[in-house]
Amino acid sequence: EVKVIKEGPVYLQFDRLTVNLNEPNLVRYLSVDITVQTDGKYEEEVKTKMMEMKPVLKTFLTAHLADKSIEDIRGRVGVNSLRREIQDGFNAVLFKDGHEKIQDILFEEYHVQQ
């Protein structure tokens, strides 16, 4: 069997997640549809680890997002810092050796509902 190694970025669907935001006087939800970017040479490894660790990743995401206020996630700066925080969290969960294989977190959908 010949393994084909892709070059350059590949995009792996993760999941859609909807979480209550940390807003004291209002009920607001953040709904995100997450795609993970990795290098083609890591595609199978990342895909396998994401499936194996999906409950842990979803729990991390739920807790992390539920701690956010509307101000934390507003605008370009808020969205981009959230992407980086999720990337760091996923890498920490999936790759204990510190060799980060997730290069970016992309939001296919990003909605704040109230």
PDB file of N, CA and C in Angstrom:
ATOM      1  N   GLU A   1       0.849  -1.185   0.000  1.00  0.00           N
ATOM      2  CA  GLU A   1       0.000   0.000   0.000  1.00  0.00           C
ATOM      3  C   GLU A   1       0.890   1.242   0.000  1.00  0.00           C
ATOM      4  N   VAL A   2       0.597   2.152  -0.893  1.00  0.00           N
ATOM      5  CA  VAL A   2       1.363   3.395  -0.994  1.00  0.00           C
ATOM      6  C   VAL A   2       0.599   4.480  -0.254  1.00  0.00           C
ATOM      7  N   LYS A   3       1.283   5.132   0.671  1.00  0.00           N
ATOM      8  CA  LYS A   3       0.656   6.236   1.396  1.00  0.00           C
ATOM      9  C   LYS A   3       0.940   7.531   0.658  1.00  0.00           C
ATOM     10  N   VAL A   4      -0.097   8.245   0.349  1.00  0.00           N
ATOM     11  CA  VAL A   4       0.069   9.533  -0.318  1.00  0.00           C
ATOM     12  C   VAL A   4       0.152  10.609   0.756  1.00  0.00           C
ATOM     13  N   ILE A   5       1.231  11.332   0.731  1.00  0.00           N
ATOM     14  CA  ILE A   5       1.402  12.429   1.678  1.00  0.00           C
ATOM     15  C   ILE A   5       1.075  13.729   0.951  1.00  0.00           C
ATOM     16  N   LYS A   6       0.093  14.429   1.491  1.00  0.00           N
ATOM     17  CA  LYS A   6      -0.278  15.704   0.886  1.00  0.00           C
ATOM     18  C   LYS A   6       0.695  16.775   1.334  1.00  0.00           C
ATOM     19  N   GLU A   7       0.913  17.735   0.476  1.00  0.00           N
ATOM     20  CA  GLU A   7       1.750  18.864   0.834  1.00  0.00           C
ATOM     21  C   GLU A   7       0.865  20.070   1.066  1.00  0.00           C
ATOM     22  N   GLY A   8       1.281  20.915   1.995  1.00  0.00           N
ATOM     23  CA  GLY A   8       0.543  22.134   2.255  1.00  0.00           C
ATOM     24  C   GLY A   8      -0.623  21.913   3.194  1.00  0.00           C
ATOM     25  N   PRO A   9      -1.436  22.944   3.372  1.00  0.00           N
ATOM     26  CA  PRO A   9      -2.494  22.879   4.372  1.00  0.00           C
ATOM     27  C   PRO A   9      -3.644  21.951   3.977  1.00  0.00           C
ATOM     28  N   VAL A  10      -4.186  21.273   4.986  1.00  0.00           N
ATOM     29  CA  VAL A  10      -5.432  20.520   4.829  1.00  0.00           C
ATOM     30  C   VAL A  10      -6.380  20.986   5.930  1.00  0.00           C
ATOM     31  N   TYR A  11      -7.661  20.848   5.654  1.00  0.00           N
ATOM     32  CA  TYR A  11      -8.687  21.365   6.549  1.00  0.00           C
ATOM     33  C   TYR A  11      -9.578  20.220   6.998  1.00  0.00           C
ATOM     34  N   LEU A  12      -9.701  20.057   8.313  1.00  0.00           N
ATOM     35  CA  LEU A  12     -10.482  18.976   8.895  1.00  0.00           C
ATOM     36  C   LEU A  12     -11.657  19.556   9.666  1.00  0.00           C
ATOM     37  N   GLN A  13     -12.851  19.083   9.331  1.00  0.00           N
ATOM     38  CA  GLN A  13     -14.038  19.529  10.060  1.00  0.00           C
ATOM     39  C   GLN A  13     -13.944  19.051  11.494  1.00  0.00           C
ATOM     40  N   PHE A  14     -14.278  19.901  12.426  1.00  0.00           N
ATOM     41  CA  PHE A  14     -14.392  19.440  13.806  1.00  0.00           C
ATOM     42  C   PHE A  14     -15.869  19.273  14.134  1.00  0.00           C
ATOM     43  N   ASP A  15     -16.511  20.323  14.560  1.00  0.00           N
ATOM     44  CA  ASP A  15     -17.907  20.238  14.964  1.00  0.00           C
ATOM     45  C   ASP A  15     -18.478  21.636  15.086  1.00  0.00           C
ATOM     46  N   ARG A  16     -19.794  21.666  15.194  1.00  0.00           N
ATOM     47  CA  ARG A  16     -20.475  22.905  15.571  1.00  0.00           C
ATOM     48  C   ARG A  16     -20.739  22.816  17.065  1.00  0.00           C
ATOM     49  N   LEU A  17     -20.564  23.918  17.739  1.00  0.00           N
ATOM     50  CA  LEU A  17     -20.786  23.949  19.179  1.00  0.00           C
ATOM     51  C   LEU A  17     -21.569  25.205  19.511  1.00  0.00           C
ATOM     52  N   THR A  18     -22.557  25.078  20.378  1.00  0.00           N
ATOM     53  CA  THR A  18     -23.330  26.221  20.850  1.00  0.00           C
ATOM     54  C   THR A  18     -23.218  26.262  22.365  1.00  0.00           C
ATOM     55  N   VAL A  19     -22.829  27.434  22.890  1.00  0.00           N
ATOM     56  CA  VAL A  19     -22.530  27.571  24.314  1.00  0.00           C
ATOM     57  C   VAL A  19     -23.137  28.860  24.838  1.00  0.00           C
ATOM     58  N   ASN A  20     -23.641  28.821  26.078  1.00  0.00           N
ATOM     59  CA  ASN A  20     -24.061  30.044  26.761  1.00  0.00           C
ATOM     60  C   ASN A  20     -22.834  30.880  27.068  1.00  0.00           C
ATOM     61  N   LEU A  21     -22.904  32.165  26.767  1.00  0.00           N
ATOM     62  CA  LEU A  21     -21.814  33.068  27.125  1.00  0.00           C
ATOM     63  C   LEU A  21     -21.953  33.500  28.578  1.00  0.00           C
ATOM     64  N   ASN A  22     -20.877  34.011  29.123  1.00  0.00           N
ATOM     65  CA  ASN A  22     -20.846  34.445  30.512  1.00  0.00           C
ATOM     66  C   ASN A  22     -21.348  35.885  30.608  1.00  0.00           C
ATOM     67  N   GLU A  23     -22.663  36.029  30.503  1.00  0.00           N
ATOM     68  CA  GLU A  23     -23.302  37.346  30.576  1.00  0.00           C
ATOM     69  C   GLU A  23     -24.293  37.322  31.735  1.00  0.00           C
ATOM     70  N   PRO A  24     -24.065  38.149  32.754  1.00  0.00           N
ATOM     71  CA  PRO A  24     -24.880  38.052  33.973  1.00  0.00           C
ATOM     72  C   PRO A  24     -26.368  38.345  33.782  1.00  0.00           C
ATOM     73  N   ASN A  25     -26.722  39.333  32.944  1.00  0.00           N
ATOM     74  CA  ASN A  25     -28.122  39.758  32.877  1.00  0.00           C
ATOM     75  C   ASN A  25     -28.866  39.280  31.641  1.00  0.00           C
ATOM     76  N   LEU A  26     -28.166  38.636  30.713  1.00  0.00           N
ATOM     77  CA  LEU A  26     -28.787  38.212  29.470  1.00  0.00           C
ATOM     78  C   LEU A  26     -28.426  36.766  29.186  1.00  0.00           C
ATOM     79  N   VAL A  27     -29.292  36.110  28.438  1.00  0.00           N
ATOM     80  CA  VAL A  27     -28.933  34.789  27.933  1.00  0.00           C
ATOM     81  C   VAL A  27     -28.477  34.980  26.497  1.00  0.00           C
ATOM     82  N   ARG A  28     -27.212  34.768  26.273  1.00  0.00           N
ATOM     83  CA  ARG A  28     -26.651  34.888  24.923  1.00  0.00           C
ATOM     84  C   ARG A  28     -25.883  33.616  24.621  1.00  0.00           C
ATOM     85  N   TYR A  29     -25.957  33.222  23.361  1.00  0.00           N
ATOM     86  CA  TYR A  29     -25.282  32.006  22.923  1.00  0.00           C
ATOM     87  C   TYR A  29     -24.260  32.353  21.861  1.00  0.00           C
ATOM     88  N   LEU A  30     -23.170  31.613  21.883  1.00  0.00           N
ATOM     89  CA  LEU A  30     -22.213  31.664  20.787  1.00  0.00           C
ATOM     90  C   LEU A  30     -22.302  30.316  20.091  1.00  0.00           C
ATOM     91  N   SER A  31     -22.512  30.365  18.775  1.00  0.00           N
ATOM     92  CA  SER A  31     -22.541  29.148  17.974  1.00  0.00           C
ATOM     93  C   SER A  31     -21.397  29.230  16.974  1.00  0.00           C
ATOM     94  N   VAL A  32     -20.491  28.254  17.030  1.00  0.00           N
ATOM     95  CA  VAL A  32     -19.345  28.237  16.125  1.00  0.00           C
ATOM     96  C   VAL A  32     -19.257  26.889  15.425  1.00  0.00           C
ATOM     97  N   ASP A  33     -18.864  26.949  14.174  1.00  0.00           N
ATOM     98  CA  ASP A  33     -18.617  25.759  13.369  1.00  0.00           C
ATOM     99  C   ASP A  33     -17.118  25.752  13.103  1.00  0.00           C
ATOM    100  N   ILE A  34     -16.410  24.774  13.666  1.00  0.00           N
ATOM    101  CA  ILE A  34     -14.948  24.811  13.707  1.00  0.00           C
ATOM    102  C   ILE A  34     -14.319  23.882  12.674  1.00  0.00           C
ATOM    103  N   THR A  35     -13.322  24.416  11.976  1.00  0.00           N
ATOM    104  CA  THR A  35     -12.480  23.641  11.076  1.00  0.00           C
ATOM    105  C   THR A  35     -11.043  23.804  11.551  1.00  0.00           C
ATOM    106  N   VAL A  36     -10.304  22.707  11.539  1.00  0.00           N
ATOM    107  CA  VAL A  36      -8.923  22.689  12.002  1.00  0.00           C
ATOM    108  C   VAL A  36      -8.003  22.635  10.783  1.00  0.00           C
ATOM    109  N   GLN A  37      -6.984  23.478  10.773  1.00  0.00           N
ATOM    110  CA  GLN A  37      -5.986  23.450   9.702  1.00  0.00           C
ATOM    111  C   GLN A  37      -4.715  22.784  10.217  1.00  0.00           C
ATOM    112  N   THR A  38      -4.208  21.851   9.421  1.00  0.00           N
ATOM    113  CA  THR A  38      -2.929  21.212   9.726  1.00  0.00           C
ATOM    114  C   THR A  38      -2.155  21.059   8.428  1.00  0.00           C
ATOM    115  N   ASP A  39      -0.955  20.556   8.530  1.00  0.00           N
ATOM    116  CA  ASP A  39      -0.163  20.280   7.335  1.00  0.00           C
ATOM    117  C   ASP A  39      -0.552  18.900   6.816  1.00  0.00           C
ATOM    118  N   GLY A  40      -0.540  18.742   5.498  1.00  0.00           N
ATOM    119  CA  GLY A  40      -0.926  17.479   4.889  1.00  0.00           C
ATOM    120  C   GLY A  40      -0.191  16.279   5.442  1.00  0.00           C
ATOM    121  N   LYS A  41       1.064  16.454   5.827  1.00  0.00           N
ATOM    122  CA  LYS A  41       1.828  15.313   6.327  1.00  0.00           C
ATOM    123  C   LYS A  41       1.328  14.827   7.686  1.00  0.00           C
ATOM    124  N   TYR A  42       0.544  15.650   8.381  1.00  0.00           N
ATOM    125  CA  TYR A  42      -0.004  15.262   9.689  1.00  0.00           C
ATOM    126  C   TYR A  42      -1.491  14.919   9.627  1.00  0.00           C
ATOM    127  N   GLU A  43      -2.071  14.960   8.432  1.00  0.00           N
ATOM    128  CA  GLU A  43      -3.530  14.842   8.313  1.00  0.00           C
ATOM    129  C   GLU A  43      -4.083  13.615   9.037  1.00  0.00           C
ATOM    130  N   GLU A  44      -3.555  12.440   8.755  1.00  0.00           N
ATOM    131  CA  GLU A  44      -4.104  11.216   9.356  1.00  0.00           C
ATOM    132  C   GLU A  44      -3.929  11.199  10.863  1.00  0.00           C
ATOM    133  N   GLU A  45      -2.757  11.621  11.329  1.00  0.00           N
ATOM    134  CA  GLU A  45      -2.496  11.636  12.770  1.00  0.00           C
ATOM    135  C   GLU A  45      -3.447  12.588  13.486  1.00  0.00           C
ATOM    136  N   VAL A  46      -3.604  13.792  12.935  1.00  0.00           N
ATOM    137  CA  VAL A  46      -4.481  14.784  13.571  1.00  0.00           C
ATOM    138  C   VAL A  46      -5.930  14.307  13.548  1.00  0.00           C
ATOM    139  N   LYS A  47      -6.360  13.774  12.407  1.00  0.00           N
ATOM    140  CA  LYS A  47      -7.731  13.281  12.271  1.00  0.00           C
ATOM    141  C   LYS A  47      -8.006  12.183  13.310  1.00  0.00           C
ATOM    142  N   THR A  48      -7.089  11.228  13.419  1.00  0.00           N
ATOM    143  CA  THR A  48      -7.251  10.118  14.360  1.00  0.00           C
ATOM    144  C   THR A  48      -7.294  10.616  15.799  1.00  0.00           C
ATOM    145  N   LYS A  49      -6.354  11.485  16.157  1.00  0.00           N
ATOM    146  CA  LYS A  49      -6.310  11.991  17.537  1.00  0.00           C
ATOM    147  C   LYS A  49      -7.540  12.829  17.863  1.00  0.00           C
ATOM    148  N   MET A  50      -8.015  13.622  16.887  1.00  0.00           N
ATOM    149  CA  MET A  50      -9.218  14.434  17.137  1.00  0.00           C
ATOM    150  C   MET A  50     -10.423  13.536  17.400  1.00  0.00           C
ATOM    151  N   MET A  51     -10.539  12.443  16.663  1.00  0.00           N
ATOM    152  CA  MET A  51     -11.661  11.525  16.870  1.00  0.00           C
ATOM    153  C   MET A  51     -11.540  10.837  18.235  1.00  0.00           C
ATOM    154  N   GLU A  52     -10.347  10.381  18.569  1.00  0.00           N
ATOM    155  CA  GLU A  52     -10.132   9.696  19.847  1.00  0.00           C
ATOM    156  C   GLU A  52     -10.403  10.617  21.031  1.00  0.00           C
ATOM    157  N   MET A  53     -10.034  11.873  20.890  1.00  0.00           N
ATOM    158  CA  MET A  53     -10.103  12.823  22.006  1.00  0.00           C
ATOM    159  C   MET A  53     -11.285  13.783  21.890  1.00  0.00           C
ATOM    160  N   LYS A  54     -12.230  13.495  21.004  1.00  0.00           N
ATOM    161  CA  LYS A  54     -13.331  14.430  20.760  1.00  0.00           C
ATOM    162  C   LYS A  54     -14.073  14.831  22.044  1.00  0.00           C
ATOM    163  N   PRO A  55     -14.410  13.896  22.950  1.00  0.00           N
ATOM    164  CA  PRO A  55     -15.095  14.328  24.174  1.00  0.00           C
ATOM    165  C   PRO A  55     -14.263  15.305  25.013  1.00  0.00           C
ATOM    166  N   VAL A  56     -12.955  15.096  25.067  1.00  0.00           N
ATOM    167  CA  VAL A  56     -12.076  15.985  25.829  1.00  0.00           C
ATOM    168  C   VAL A  56     -12.000  17.355  25.152  1.00  0.00           C
ATOM    169  N   LEU A  57     -11.873  17.355  23.823  1.00  0.00           N
ATOM    170  CA  LEU A  57     -11.811  18.626  23.086  1.00  0.00           C
ATOM    171  C   LEU A  57     -13.118  19.402  23.222  1.00  0.00           C
ATOM    172  N   LYS A  58     -14.253  18.702  23.144  1.00  0.00           N
ATOM    173  CA  LYS A  58     -15.548  19.381  23.269  1.00  0.00           C
ATOM    174  C   LYS A  58     -15.733  19.946  24.677  1.00  0.00           C
ATOM    175  N   THR A  59     -15.270  19.208  25.681  1.00  0.00           N
ATOM    176  CA  THR A  59     -15.369  19.694  27.060  1.00  0.00           C
ATOM    177  C   THR A  59     -14.493  20.922  27.258  1.00  0.00           C
ATOM    178  N   PHE A  60     -13.270  20.870  26.720  1.00  0.00           N
ATOM    179  CA  PHE A  60     -12.388  22.041  26.778  1.00  0.00           C
ATOM    180  C   PHE A  60     -13.063  23.245  26.123  1.00  0.00           C
ATOM    181  N   LEU A  61     -13.597  23.038  24.917  1.00  0.00           N
ATOM    182  CA  LEU A  61     -14.234  24.130  24.178  1.00  0.00           C
ATOM    183  C   LEU A  61     -15.427  24.702  24.925  1.00  0.00           C
ATOM    184  N   THR A  62     -16.269  23.823  25.429  1.00  0.00           N
ATOM    185  CA  THR A  62     -17.470  24.272  26.144  1.00  0.00           C
ATOM    186  C   THR A  62     -17.084  25.111  27.355  1.00  0.00           C
ATOM    187  N   ALA A  63     -16.144  24.625  28.154  1.00  0.00           N
ATOM    188  CA  ALA A  63     -15.724  25.356  29.348  1.00  0.00           C
ATOM    189  C   ALA A  63     -15.050  26.675  28.961  1.00  0.00           C
ATOM    190  N   HIS A  64     -14.202  26.631  27.943  1.00  0.00           N
ATOM    191  CA  HIS A  64     -13.470  27.829  27.524  1.00  0.00           C
ATOM    192  C   HIS A  64     -14.429  28.897  26.991  1.00  0.00           C
ATOM    193  N   LEU A  65     -15.350  28.488  26.137  1.00  0.00           N
ATOM    194  CA  LEU A  65     -16.282  29.453  25.543  1.00  0.00           C
ATOM    195  C   LEU A  65     -17.293  29.973  26.563  1.00  0.00           C
ATOM    196  N   ALA A  66     -17.705  29.120  27.489  1.00  0.00           N
ATOM    197  CA  ALA A  66     -18.699  29.522  28.489  1.00  0.00           C
ATOM    198  C   ALA A  66     -18.137  30.576  29.437  1.00  0.00           C
ATOM    199  N   ASP A  67     -16.829  30.699  29.474  1.00  0.00           N
ATOM    200  CA  ASP A  67     -16.173  31.680  30.333  1.00  0.00           C
ATOM    201  C   ASP A  67     -16.086  33.048  29.664  1.00  0.00           C
ATOM    202  N   LYS A  68     -16.445  33.136  28.383  1.00  0.00           N
ATOM    203  CA  LYS A  68     -16.287  34.369  27.613  1.00  0.00           C
ATOM    204  C   LYS A  68     -17.522  35.262  27.736  1.00  0.00           C
ATOM    205  N   SER A  69     -17.261  36.570  27.762  1.00  0.00           N
ATOM    206  CA  SER A  69     -18.353  37.539  27.688  1.00  0.00           C
ATOM    207  C   SER A  69     -18.476  37.998  26.237  1.00  0.00           C
ATOM    208  N   ILE A  70     -19.524  38.733  25.954  1.00  0.00           N
ATOM    209  CA  ILE A  70     -19.729  39.253  24.611  1.00  0.00           C
ATOM    210  C   ILE A  70     -18.560  40.159  24.209  1.00  0.00           C
ATOM    211  N   GLU A  71     -18.029  40.899  25.175  1.00  0.00           N
ATOM    212  CA  GLU A  71     -16.901  41.796  24.882  1.00  0.00           C
ATOM    213  C   GLU A  71     -15.648  41.013  24.489  1.00  0.00           C
ATOM    214  N   ASP A  72     -15.458  39.848  25.107  1.00  0.00           N
ATOM    215  CA  ASP A  72     -14.267  39.030  24.817  1.00  0.00           C
ATOM    216  C   ASP A  72     -14.229  38.544  23.372  1.00  0.00           C
ATOM    217  N   ILE A  73     -15.395  38.341  22.777  1.00  0.00           N
ATOM    218  CA  ILE A  73     -15.454  37.683  21.466  1.00  0.00           C
ATOM    219  C   ILE A  73     -15.888  38.620  20.342  1.00  0.00           C
ATOM    220  N   ARG A  74     -16.011  39.904  20.662  1.00  0.00           N
ATOM    221  CA  ARG A  74     -16.504  40.871  19.676  1.00  0.00           C
ATOM    222  C   ARG A  74     -15.379  41.351  18.765  1.00  0.00           C
ATOM    223  N   GLY A  75     -15.702  41.539  17.501  1.00  0.00           N
ATOM    224  CA  GLY A  75     -14.775  42.155  16.555  1.00  0.00           C
ATOM    225  C   GLY A  75     -13.633  41.250  16.133  1.00  0.00           C
ATOM    226  N   ARG A  76     -12.808  41.784  15.254  1.00  0.00           N
ATOM    227  CA  ARG A  76     -11.696  41.017  14.689  1.00  0.00           C
ATOM    228  C   ARG A  76     -10.716  40.549  15.758  1.00  0.00           C
ATOM    229  N   VAL A  77     -10.382  41.438  16.689  1.00  0.00           N
ATOM    230  CA  VAL A  77      -9.423  41.094  17.744  1.00  0.00           C
ATOM    231  C   VAL A  77      -9.974  39.962  18.613  1.00  0.00           C
ATOM    232  N   GLY A  78     -11.244  40.053  18.986  1.00  0.00           N
ATOM    233  CA  GLY A  78     -11.860  39.016  19.810  1.00  0.00           C
ATOM    234  C   GLY A  78     -11.917  37.670  19.108  1.00  0.00           C
ATOM    235  N   VAL A  79     -12.323  37.689  17.841  1.00  0.00           N
ATOM    236  CA  VAL A  79     -12.416  36.445  17.067  1.00  0.00           C
ATOM    237  C   VAL A  79     -11.035  35.829  16.891  1.00  0.00           C
ATOM    238  N   ASN A  80     -10.048  36.641  16.537  1.00  0.00           N
ATOM    239  CA  ASN A  80      -8.709  36.111  16.301  1.00  0.00           C
ATOM    240  C   ASN A  80      -8.047  35.597  17.578  1.00  0.00           C
ATOM    241  N   SER A  81      -8.266  36.276  18.696  1.00  0.00           N
ATOM    242  CA  SER A  81      -7.668  35.762  19.938  1.00  0.00           C
ATOM    243  C   SER A  81      -8.359  34.475  20.360  1.00  0.00           C
ATOM    244  N   LEU A  82      -9.660  34.357  20.114  1.00  0.00           N
ATOM    245  CA  LEU A  82     -10.371  33.116  20.412  1.00  0.00           C
ATOM    246  C   LEU A  82      -9.841  31.971  19.547  1.00  0.00           C
ATOM    247  N   ARG A  83      -9.593  32.225  18.276  1.00  0.00           N
ATOM    248  CA  ARG A  83      -9.022  31.207  17.386  1.00  0.00           C
ATOM    249  C   ARG A  83      -7.684  30.717  17.932  1.00  0.00           C
ATOM    250  N   ARG A  84      -6.841  31.643  18.367  1.00  0.00           N
ATOM    251  CA  ARG A  84      -5.520  31.288  18.887  1.00  0.00           C
ATOM    252  C   ARG A  84      -5.641  30.483  20.192  1.00  0.00           C
ATOM    253  N   GLU A  85      -6.550  30.887  21.069  1.00  0.00           N
ATOM    254  CA  GLU A  85      -6.748  30.166  22.329  1.00  0.00           C
ATOM    255  C   GLU A  85      -7.212  28.731  22.076  1.00  0.00           C
ATOM    256  N   ILE A  86      -8.118  28.557  21.118  1.00  0.00           N
ATOM    257  CA  ILE A  86      -8.606  27.205  20.791  1.00  0.00           C
ATOM    258  C   ILE A  86      -7.473  26.391  20.171  1.00  0.00           C
ATOM    259  N   GLN A  87      -6.702  27.007  19.282  1.00  0.00           N
ATOM    260  CA  GLN A  87      -5.557  26.320  18.676  1.00  0.00           C
ATOM    261  C   GLN A  87      -4.592  25.844  19.770  1.00  0.00           C
ATOM    262  N   ASP A  88      -4.245  26.720  20.693  1.00  0.00           N
ATOM    263  CA  ASP A  88      -3.330  26.357  21.777  1.00  0.00           C
ATOM    264  C   ASP A  88      -3.915  25.235  22.636  1.00  0.00           C
ATOM    265  N   GLY A  89      -5.206  25.333  22.942  1.00  0.00           N
ATOM    266  CA  GLY A  89      -5.857  24.309  23.759  1.00  0.00           C
ATOM    267  C   GLY A  89      -5.895  22.956  23.066  1.00  0.00           C
ATOM    268  N   PHE A  90      -6.253  22.947  21.786  1.00  0.00           N
ATOM    269  CA  PHE A  90      -6.293  21.691  21.037  1.00  0.00           C
ATOM    270  C   PHE A  90      -4.898  21.067  20.949  1.00  0.00           C
ATOM    271  N   ASN A  91      -3.894  21.884  20.658  1.00  0.00           N
ATOM    272  CA  ASN A  91      -2.530  21.362  20.584  1.00  0.00           C
ATOM    273  C   ASN A  91      -2.091  20.783  21.928  1.00  0.00           C
ATOM    274  N   ALA A  92      -2.438  21.458  23.021  1.00  0.00           N
ATOM    275  CA  ALA A  92      -2.052  20.972  24.355  1.00  0.00           C
ATOM    276  C   ALA A  92      -2.715  19.636  24.671  1.00  0.00           C
ATOM    277  N   VAL A  93      -3.978  19.470  24.277  1.00  0.00           N
ATOM    278  CA  VAL A  93      -4.701  18.223  24.533  1.00  0.00           C
ATOM    279  C   VAL A  93      -4.168  17.095  23.648  1.00  0.00           C
ATOM    280  N   LEU A  94      -3.952  17.393  22.375  1.00  0.00           N
ATOM    281  CA  LEU A  94      -3.635  16.336  21.406  1.00  0.00           C
ATOM    282  C   LEU A  94      -2.158  15.963  21.342  1.00  0.00           C
ATOM    283  N   PHE A  95      -1.281  16.919  21.604  1.00  0.00           N
ATOM    284  CA  PHE A  95       0.153  16.677  21.399  1.00  0.00           C
ATOM    285  C   PHE A  95       0.930  17.029  22.659  1.00  0.00           C
ATOM    286  N   LYS A  96       0.984  16.065  23.558  1.00  0.00           N
ATOM    287  CA  LYS A  96       1.617  16.278  24.863  1.00  0.00           C
ATOM    288  C   LYS A  96       3.115  16.529  24.737  1.00  0.00           C
ATOM    289  N   ASP A  97       3.705  16.141  23.595  1.00  0.00           N
ATOM    290  CA  ASP A  97       5.147  16.317  23.401  1.00  0.00           C
ATOM    291  C   ASP A  97       5.510  17.763  23.038  1.00  0.00           C
ATOM    292  N   GLY A  98       4.494  18.622  22.901  1.00  0.00           N
ATOM    293  CA  GLY A  98       4.756  20.019  22.584  1.00  0.00           C
ATOM    294  C   GLY A  98       4.970  20.292  21.102  1.00  0.00           C
ATOM    295  N   HIS A  99       4.937  19.243  20.275  1.00  0.00           N
ATOM    296  CA  HIS A  99       5.095  19.422  18.826  1.00  0.00           C
ATOM    297  C   HIS A  99       3.719  19.751  18.237  1.00  0.00           C
ATOM    298  N   GLU A 100       3.424  21.029  18.135  1.00  0.00           N
ATOM    299  CA  GLU A 100       2.088  21.483  17.738  1.00  0.00           C
ATOM    300  C   GLU A 100       1.850  21.201  16.261  1.00  0.00           C
ATOM    301  N   LYS A 101       0.793  20.464  15.964  1.00  0.00           N
ATOM    302  CA  LYS A 101       0.498  20.100  14.577  1.00  0.00           C
ATOM    303  C   LYS A 101      -0.755  20.796  14.049  1.00  0.00           C
ATOM    304  N   ILE A 102      -1.471  21.465  14.922  1.00  0.00           N
ATOM    305  CA  ILE A 102      -2.612  22.257  14.470  1.00  0.00           C
ATOM    306  C   ILE A 102      -2.102  23.669  14.215  1.00  0.00           C
ATOM    307  N   GLN A 103      -2.246  24.104  12.961  1.00  0.00           N
ATOM    308  CA  GLN A 103      -1.683  25.389  12.549  1.00  0.00           C
ATOM    309  C   GLN A 103      -2.656  26.548  12.679  1.00  0.00           C
ATOM    310  N   ASP A 104      -3.947  26.241  12.623  1.00  0.00           N
ATOM    311  CA  ASP A 104      -4.929  27.323  12.707  1.00  0.00           C
ATOM    312  C   ASP A 104      -6.288  26.727  13.034  1.00  0.00           C
ATOM    313  N   ILE A 105      -7.144  27.560  13.580  1.00  0.00           N
ATOM    314  CA  ILE A 105      -8.551  27.225  13.820  1.00  0.00           C
ATOM    315  C   ILE A 105      -9.355  28.209  12.993  1.00  0.00           C
ATOM    316  N   LEU A 106     -10.247  27.680  12.171  1.00  0.00           N
ATOM    317  CA  LEU A 106     -11.077  28.515  11.314  1.00  0.00           C
ATOM    318  C   LEU A 106     -12.534  28.349  11.725  1.00  0.00           C
ATOM    319  N   PHE A 107     -13.276  29.434  11.657  1.00  0.00           N
ATOM    320  CA  PHE A 107     -14.704  29.403  11.962  1.00  0.00           C
ATOM    321  C   PHE A 107     -15.468  29.473  10.653  1.00  0.00           C
ATOM    322  N   GLU A 108     -16.158  28.387  10.299  1.00  0.00           N
ATOM    323  CA  GLU A 108     -16.981  28.422   9.090  1.00  0.00           C
ATOM    324  C   GLU A 108     -18.249  29.219   9.361  1.00  0.00           C
ATOM    325  N   GLU A 109     -18.713  29.126  10.592  1.00  0.00           N
ATOM    326  CA  GLU A 109     -19.836  29.960  11.024  1.00  0.00           C
ATOM    327  C   GLU A 109     -19.515  30.468  12.417  1.00  0.00           C
ATOM    328  N   TYR A 110     -19.991  31.685  12.712  1.00  0.00           N
ATOM    329  CA  TYR A 110     -19.709  32.312  13.997  1.00  0.00           C
ATOM    330  C   TYR A 110     -20.899  33.231  14.282  1.00  0.00           C
ATOM    331  N   HIS A 111     -21.788  32.791  15.156  1.00  0.00           N
ATOM    332  CA  HIS A 111     -23.010  33.560  15.429  1.00  0.00           C
ATOM    333  C   HIS A 111     -23.150  33.794  16.926  1.00  0.00           C
ATOM    334  N   VAL A 112     -23.486  35.027  17.263  1.00  0.00           N
ATOM    335  CA  VAL A 112     -23.896  35.315  18.634  1.00  0.00           C
ATOM    336  C   VAL A 112     -25.404  35.505  18.578  1.00  0.00           C
ATOM    337  N   GLN A 113     -26.104  34.722  19.379  1.00  0.00           N
ATOM    338  CA  GLN A 113     -27.569  34.778  19.398  1.00  0.00           C
ATOM    339  C   GLN A 113     -28.023  35.254  20.764  1.00  0.00           C
ATOM    340  N   GLN A 114     -29.155  35.952  20.758  1.00  0.00           N
ATOM    341  CA  GLN A 114     -29.711  36.376  22.052  1.00  0.00           C
ATOM    342  C   GLN A 114     -31.210  36.217  22.049  1.00  0.00           C
TER     343      GLN A 114
END
